[in-house]
């Protein structure tokens, strides 16, 4: 009984950030399988909705997303560049939340896509997420459209650091600040007291000594690097089907992938709880959990 209760509580905790939904019908699963069976070069686009079952909230889900539960908004790129207090607040909150964010594990959706890689019909996974859960699940053919929280870059000299190494540097400068066990936000930070932020020390680059250190993430208001955009464009043009898993496609960098697919008359299937920007021209839409739907599908 104790083990069953623990398992049930763990399952409920993993669904904390999953919005209300229905299970997919047998007919919908059959239709998705037929969609996969007809493709030879599949491109998969994933978003925050595939990671909510791992305990990472998204921004826009009804009732459980960050925008529904908090007045806080994501950091803007220009604010990070121009404002030392903004950078101090960002790194203080991210430092406190990092251990929990980094401990998050892939779920059944990520693991299924990793298994699909054994079939050459899967071209690539393009993910809008910065959480590295696809890599943790064993996927290798992944393009991180918005970068990754697991790297830190100097904006002056380009020096790159592993995020865990940067965490050690922050710990040495801020030895009295405790980590948080509370819920993290989509990019890994947490709510903390203003006094903690004011006393937090942020280092400059250890190589050039003056550069601003920034996570290798495309912040809101920034642009996806051109080379990455062109790489994805080429992949779309070479695909004969696009599967969206867990994205509302609200952010244009993801939505334009679907616009290109539509322009080339490439079939589109979407698995996402709630509406997306591409519902009106998708060939197939299933409003259900990725972790429920994807394991029922096979890429033969």
Protein backbone atom coordinates (compact mmCIF):
# COMPACT_ATOMS: atom_id res chain seq x y z
CA UNK A 1 0.00 0.00 0.00
CA UNK A 2 2.81 2.36 0.88
CA UNK A 3 4.57 1.73 -2.44
CA UNK A 4 1.33 2.17 -4.37
CA UNK A 5 0.63 5.44 -2.55
CA UNK A 6 4.14 6.72 -3.31
CA UNK A 7 3.78 5.82 -6.99
CA UNK A 8 0.40 7.52 -7.20
CA UNK A 9 1.74 10.68 -5.54
CA UNK A 10 4.71 10.73 -7.92
CA UNK A 11 2.36 10.37 -10.89
CA UNK A 12 0.15 13.21 -9.65
CA UNK A 13 3.21 15.42 -9.13
CA UNK A 14 4.39 14.75 -12.69
CA UNK A 15 1.00 15.86 -14.02
CA UNK A 16 0.94 19.04 -11.93
CA UNK A 17 1.65 21.20 -14.98
CA UNK A 18 -0.42 19.23 -17.48
CA UNK A 19 -3.67 21.07 -18.34
CA UNK A 20 -7.05 19.35 -18.23
CA UNK A 21 -7.48 17.01 -21.17
CA UNK A 22 -9.08 13.86 -22.53
CA UNK A 23 -7.37 10.68 -23.65
CA UNK A 24 -6.91 10.10 -27.35
CA UNK A 25 -9.49 7.84 -28.98
CA UNK A 26 -8.60 4.62 -30.77
CA UNK A 27 -9.59 6.28 -34.02
CA UNK A 28 -7.18 9.16 -33.40
CA UNK A 29 -4.33 6.78 -32.62
CA UNK A 30 -5.13 4.81 -35.78
CA UNK A 31 -5.13 8.02 -37.83
CA UNK A 32 -1.77 9.12 -36.39
CA UNK A 33 -0.27 5.69 -37.08
CA UNK A 34 -1.52 5.87 -40.66
CA UNK A 35 0.09 9.33 -40.93
CA UNK A 36 3.44 7.88 -39.81
CA UNK A 37 3.16 4.82 -42.04
CA UNK A 38 2.82 7.01 -45.12
CA UNK A 39 5.93 9.13 -44.48
CA UNK A 40 9.52 8.42 -45.47
CA UNK A 41 11.25 11.52 -44.10
CA UNK A 42 9.63 12.63 -40.86
CA UNK A 43 10.55 15.86 -39.08
CA UNK A 44 9.39 16.18 -35.46
CA UNK A 45 8.92 19.56 -33.77
CA UNK A 46 8.56 19.51 -29.98
CA UNK A 47 7.62 22.22 -27.50
CA UNK A 48 7.10 22.76 -23.80
CA UNK A 49 4.03 20.51 -23.78
CA UNK A 50 6.18 17.40 -24.10
CA UNK A 51 8.11 18.33 -20.94
CA UNK A 52 5.23 19.27 -18.63
CA UNK A 53 4.85 15.58 -17.72
CA UNK A 54 8.45 15.69 -16.46
CA UNK A 55 7.54 18.45 -14.02
CA UNK A 56 8.62 21.51 -16.03
CA UNK A 57 5.81 24.04 -16.47
CA UNK A 58 5.15 25.78 -19.77
CA UNK A 59 4.12 29.38 -20.31
CA UNK A 60 0.68 29.28 -21.86
CA UNK A 61 -1.27 26.17 -20.80
CA UNK A 62 -4.74 27.00 -19.53
CA UNK A 63 -4.92 26.98 -15.74
CA UNK A 64 -1.41 25.61 -15.07
CA UNK A 65 1.01 27.57 -17.28
CA UNK A 66 3.20 30.36 -15.96
CA UNK A 67 1.00 33.07 -17.46
CA UNK A 68 -2.05 31.62 -15.69
CA UNK A 69 -0.39 31.21 -12.30
CA UNK A 70 1.97 34.18 -12.01
CA UNK A 71 2.29 37.84 -12.93
CA UNK A 72 5.97 37.28 -13.76
CA UNK A 73 6.99 37.31 -17.40
CA UNK A 74 10.06 35.89 -19.15
CA UNK A 75 13.18 38.00 -19.23
CA UNK A 76 13.66 40.13 -22.33
CA UNK A 77 16.94 40.00 -24.21
CA UNK A 78 17.54 43.75 -24.26
CA UNK A 79 16.81 44.05 -20.54
CA UNK A 80 19.41 41.37 -19.83
CA UNK A 81 21.99 43.17 -21.99
CA UNK A 82 21.45 46.68 -20.69
CA UNK A 83 20.60 46.23 -17.01
CA UNK A 84 23.08 44.85 -14.42
CA UNK A 85 20.26 44.56 -11.81
CA UNK A 86 18.25 42.48 -14.31
CA UNK A 87 21.20 40.15 -14.85
CA UNK A 88 21.72 39.92 -11.10
CA UNK A 89 18.07 38.98 -10.57
CA UNK A 90 18.16 36.45 -13.40
CA UNK A 91 21.28 34.64 -12.18
CA UNK A 92 20.22 34.69 -8.52
CA UNK A 93 16.90 33.03 -9.33
CA UNK A 94 18.47 30.64 -11.81
CA UNK A 95 21.21 29.65 -9.36
CA UNK A 96 18.67 28.76 -6.70
CA UNK A 97 16.48 26.79 -9.11
CA UNK A 98 19.18 25.09 -11.18
CA UNK A 99 19.70 21.88 -9.14
CA UNK A 100 16.03 20.97 -9.39
CA UNK A 101 15.76 21.98 -13.05
CA UNK A 102 18.86 19.95 -13.91
CA UNK A 103 17.47 16.91 -12.06
CA UNK A 104 14.37 16.68 -14.28
CA UNK A 105 14.11 13.43 -16.20
CA UNK A 106 12.61 12.55 -19.61
CA UNK A 107 9.16 11.01 -19.77
CA UNK A 108 7.53 8.46 -22.06
CA UNK A 109 7.18 11.00 -24.88
CA UNK A 110 10.90 11.79 -24.98
CA UNK A 111 11.82 8.11 -24.69
CA UNK A 112 9.56 7.12 -27.56
CA UNK A 113 11.12 9.69 -29.88
CA UNK A 114 14.57 8.45 -28.86
CA UNK A 115 13.56 4.91 -29.88
CA UNK A 116 12.32 6.21 -33.24
CA UNK A 117 15.88 7.29 -34.06
CA UNK A 118 16.73 3.68 -34.88
CA UNK A 119 14.61 4.14 -38.00
CA UNK A 120 16.23 6.30 -40.74
CA UNK A 121 12.79 7.62 -41.65
CA UNK A 122 13.13 10.01 -38.67
CA UNK A 123 15.13 12.93 -40.03
CA UNK A 124 15.56 15.10 -36.96
CA UNK A 125 13.89 16.34 -33.81
CA UNK A 126 13.69 20.12 -33.70
CA UNK A 127 12.89 21.20 -30.15
CA UNK A 128 11.87 24.59 -28.83
CA UNK A 129 12.83 23.43 -25.33
CA UNK A 130 16.07 24.28 -23.52
CA UNK A 131 15.82 21.45 -20.97
CA UNK A 132 17.97 18.79 -22.74
CA UNK A 133 15.38 16.09 -21.92
CA UNK A 134 15.60 14.70 -25.45
CA UNK A 135 19.32 14.14 -24.99
CA UNK A 136 18.78 12.61 -21.56
CA UNK A 137 16.31 10.19 -23.17
CA UNK A 138 18.99 9.08 -25.64
CA UNK A 139 18.19 11.17 -28.73
CA UNK A 140 21.16 12.34 -30.79
CA UNK A 141 19.50 13.85 -33.87
CA UNK A 142 18.25 16.97 -32.09
CA UNK A 143 18.36 20.63 -33.09
CA UNK A 144 17.82 22.91 -30.09
CA UNK A 145 16.03 25.77 -31.84
CA UNK A 146 16.17 28.09 -28.82
CA UNK A 147 19.51 26.90 -27.46
CA UNK A 148 20.07 25.15 -24.16
CA UNK A 149 20.13 26.03 -20.48
CA UNK A 150 23.07 23.65 -20.08
CA UNK A 151 25.61 26.06 -21.61
CA UNK A 152 26.75 29.56 -20.64
CA UNK A 153 28.46 31.93 -23.08
CA UNK A 154 30.49 35.12 -22.75
CA UNK A 155 28.86 37.75 -24.95
CA UNK A 156 32.22 39.48 -25.56
CA UNK A 157 34.80 36.78 -26.31
CA UNK A 158 32.49 33.79 -26.90
CA UNK A 159 34.00 31.62 -24.16
CA UNK A 160 31.63 28.73 -23.40
CA UNK A 161 31.10 27.01 -20.05
CA UNK A 162 29.10 24.00 -19.00
CA UNK A 163 26.20 25.21 -16.84
CA UNK A 164 27.22 22.87 -14.00
CA UNK A 165 30.71 24.44 -14.00
CA UNK A 166 29.18 27.91 -13.89
CA UNK A 167 27.01 26.76 -10.98
CA UNK A 168 30.20 25.91 -9.06
CA UNK A 169 31.57 29.40 -9.75
CA UNK A 170 28.33 30.98 -8.53
CA UNK A 171 28.41 28.77 -5.42
CA UNK A 172 31.91 29.97 -4.54
CA UNK A 173 30.80 33.58 -4.80
CA UNK A 174 27.51 33.02 -2.96
CA UNK A 175 28.21 30.27 -0.38
CA UNK A 176 25.39 31.20 1.99
CA UNK A 177 22.52 31.00 -0.50
CA UNK A 178 20.50 27.79 -0.35
CA UNK A 179 19.03 25.94 -3.30
CA UNK A 180 15.29 25.69 -3.69
CA UNK A 181 13.07 22.62 -3.60
CA UNK A 182 10.04 24.55 -4.80
CA UNK A 183 8.65 24.51 -8.33
CA UNK A 184 10.89 25.85 -11.05
CA UNK A 185 9.72 28.04 -13.90
CA UNK A 186 9.99 27.03 -17.59
CA UNK A 187 13.61 28.21 -17.92
CA UNK A 188 14.77 26.94 -14.53
CA UNK A 189 14.50 29.94 -12.22
CA UNK A 190 12.41 30.33 -9.06
CA UNK A 191 10.84 33.05 -6.97
CA UNK A 192 13.23 34.32 -4.25
CA UNK A 193 13.38 37.23 -1.81
CA UNK A 194 14.57 40.65 -3.01
CA UNK A 195 17.26 40.70 -0.32
CA UNK A 196 18.80 37.53 -1.74
CA UNK A 197 18.87 39.12 -5.19
CA UNK A 198 20.47 42.35 -3.94
CA UNK A 199 23.32 40.45 -2.28
CA UNK A 200 23.92 38.03 -5.13
CA UNK A 201 27.31 38.23 -6.87
CA UNK A 202 27.54 37.60 -10.61
CA UNK A 203 30.96 37.01 -12.18
CA UNK A 204 32.26 38.36 -15.45
CA UNK A 205 33.92 36.05 -17.97
CA UNK A 206 36.91 34.22 -16.48
CA UNK A 207 38.79 34.55 -19.80
CA UNK A 208 38.35 38.15 -20.95
CA UNK A 209 37.44 39.37 -17.43
CA UNK A 210 34.82 41.85 -18.66
CA UNK A 211 32.27 39.94 -20.76
CA UNK A 212 28.66 39.37 -19.70
CA UNK A 213 27.83 35.71 -19.05
CA UNK A 214 24.53 34.59 -20.56
CA UNK A 215 22.88 31.19 -20.83
CA UNK A 216 22.99 29.84 -24.38
CA UNK A 217 19.25 30.46 -24.72
CA UNK A 218 17.35 32.58 -27.23
CA UNK A 219 15.61 34.99 -24.85
CA UNK A 220 12.32 36.63 -25.71
CA UNK A 221 13.04 39.53 -28.04
CA UNK A 222 16.16 37.86 -29.44
CA UNK A 223 16.50 36.00 -32.75
CA UNK A 224 17.32 32.40 -33.50
CA UNK A 225 20.80 32.34 -35.12
CA UNK A 226 20.57 32.50 -38.91
CA UNK A 227 22.60 29.36 -39.46
CA UNK A 228 20.18 27.40 -37.29
CA UNK A 229 17.18 28.88 -39.11
CA UNK A 230 18.66 27.87 -42.47
CA UNK A 231 19.45 24.38 -41.21
CA UNK A 232 15.84 23.87 -40.17
CA UNK A 233 14.55 25.32 -43.45
CA UNK A 234 16.61 22.76 -45.35
CA UNK A 235 15.27 19.94 -43.19
CA UNK A 236 11.69 21.01 -43.78
CA UNK A 237 12.22 21.16 -47.54
CA UNK A 238 13.65 17.61 -47.45
CA UNK A 239 10.79 16.22 -45.30
CA UNK A 240 7.57 14.60 -46.47
CA UNK A 241 5.76 14.92 -43.10
CA UNK A 242 5.93 17.06 -39.96
CA UNK A 243 4.76 15.92 -36.54
CA UNK A 244 4.29 18.55 -33.82
CA UNK A 245 4.43 17.26 -30.25
CA UNK A 246 3.54 19.56 -27.39
CA UNK A 247 3.68 23.04 -28.89
CA UNK A 248 1.02 25.73 -29.20
CA UNK A 249 3.20 27.24 -31.97
CA UNK A 250 2.58 30.66 -30.45
CA UNK A 251 6.26 31.60 -30.81
CA UNK A 252 6.94 32.50 -34.44
CA UNK A 253 10.26 30.63 -34.65
CA UNK A 254 8.31 27.38 -34.34
CA UNK A 255 5.23 28.49 -36.25
CA UNK A 256 7.22 29.43 -39.36
CA UNK A 257 8.33 25.80 -39.64
CA UNK A 258 4.67 24.88 -40.11
CA UNK A 259 4.12 27.76 -42.53
CA UNK A 260 6.98 26.45 -44.66
CA UNK A 261 5.58 22.92 -44.51
CA UNK A 262 2.18 24.19 -45.61
CA UNK A 263 3.75 26.18 -48.45
CA UNK A 264 5.42 22.97 -49.69
CA UNK A 265 2.20 20.94 -49.22
CA UNK A 266 3.89 18.73 -46.62
CA UNK A 267 1.39 16.84 -44.43
CA UNK A 268 1.19 18.03 -40.80
CA UNK A 269 0.00 16.21 -37.69
CA UNK A 270 -0.24 17.87 -34.25
CA UNK A 271 -0.41 16.30 -30.79
CA UNK A 272 -0.98 19.05 -28.25
CA UNK A 273 -3.42 19.71 -25.43
CA UNK A 274 -5.40 22.79 -26.42
CA UNK A 275 -5.41 24.90 -29.58
CA UNK A 276 -2.37 25.79 -31.69
CA UNK A 277 -1.75 28.44 -34.33
CA UNK A 278 -1.65 25.78 -37.04
CA UNK A 279 -4.86 23.90 -36.23
CA UNK A 280 -6.69 25.42 -39.18
CA UNK A 281 -4.29 23.97 -41.77
CA UNK A 282 -3.03 20.80 -40.04
CA UNK A 283 -4.03 17.54 -41.67
CA UNK A 284 -4.55 15.91 -38.28
CA UNK A 285 -4.89 17.28 -34.74
CA UNK A 286 -5.08 15.27 -31.51
CA UNK A 287 -5.61 17.16 -28.25
CA UNK A 288 -4.04 14.75 -25.76
CA UNK A 289 -0.88 14.12 -23.75
CA UNK A 290 2.31 13.41 -25.70
CA UNK A 291 3.31 10.89 -23.03
CA UNK A 292 0.08 8.98 -23.65
CA UNK A 293 -0.07 9.20 -27.44
CA UNK A 294 3.52 8.78 -28.67
CA UNK A 295 4.20 5.41 -26.94
CA UNK A 296 1.18 3.96 -28.80
CA UNK A 297 2.73 4.84 -32.17
CA UNK A 298 5.45 3.07 -34.14
CA UNK A 299 7.86 4.25 -36.79
CA UNK A 300 8.28 0.97 -38.71
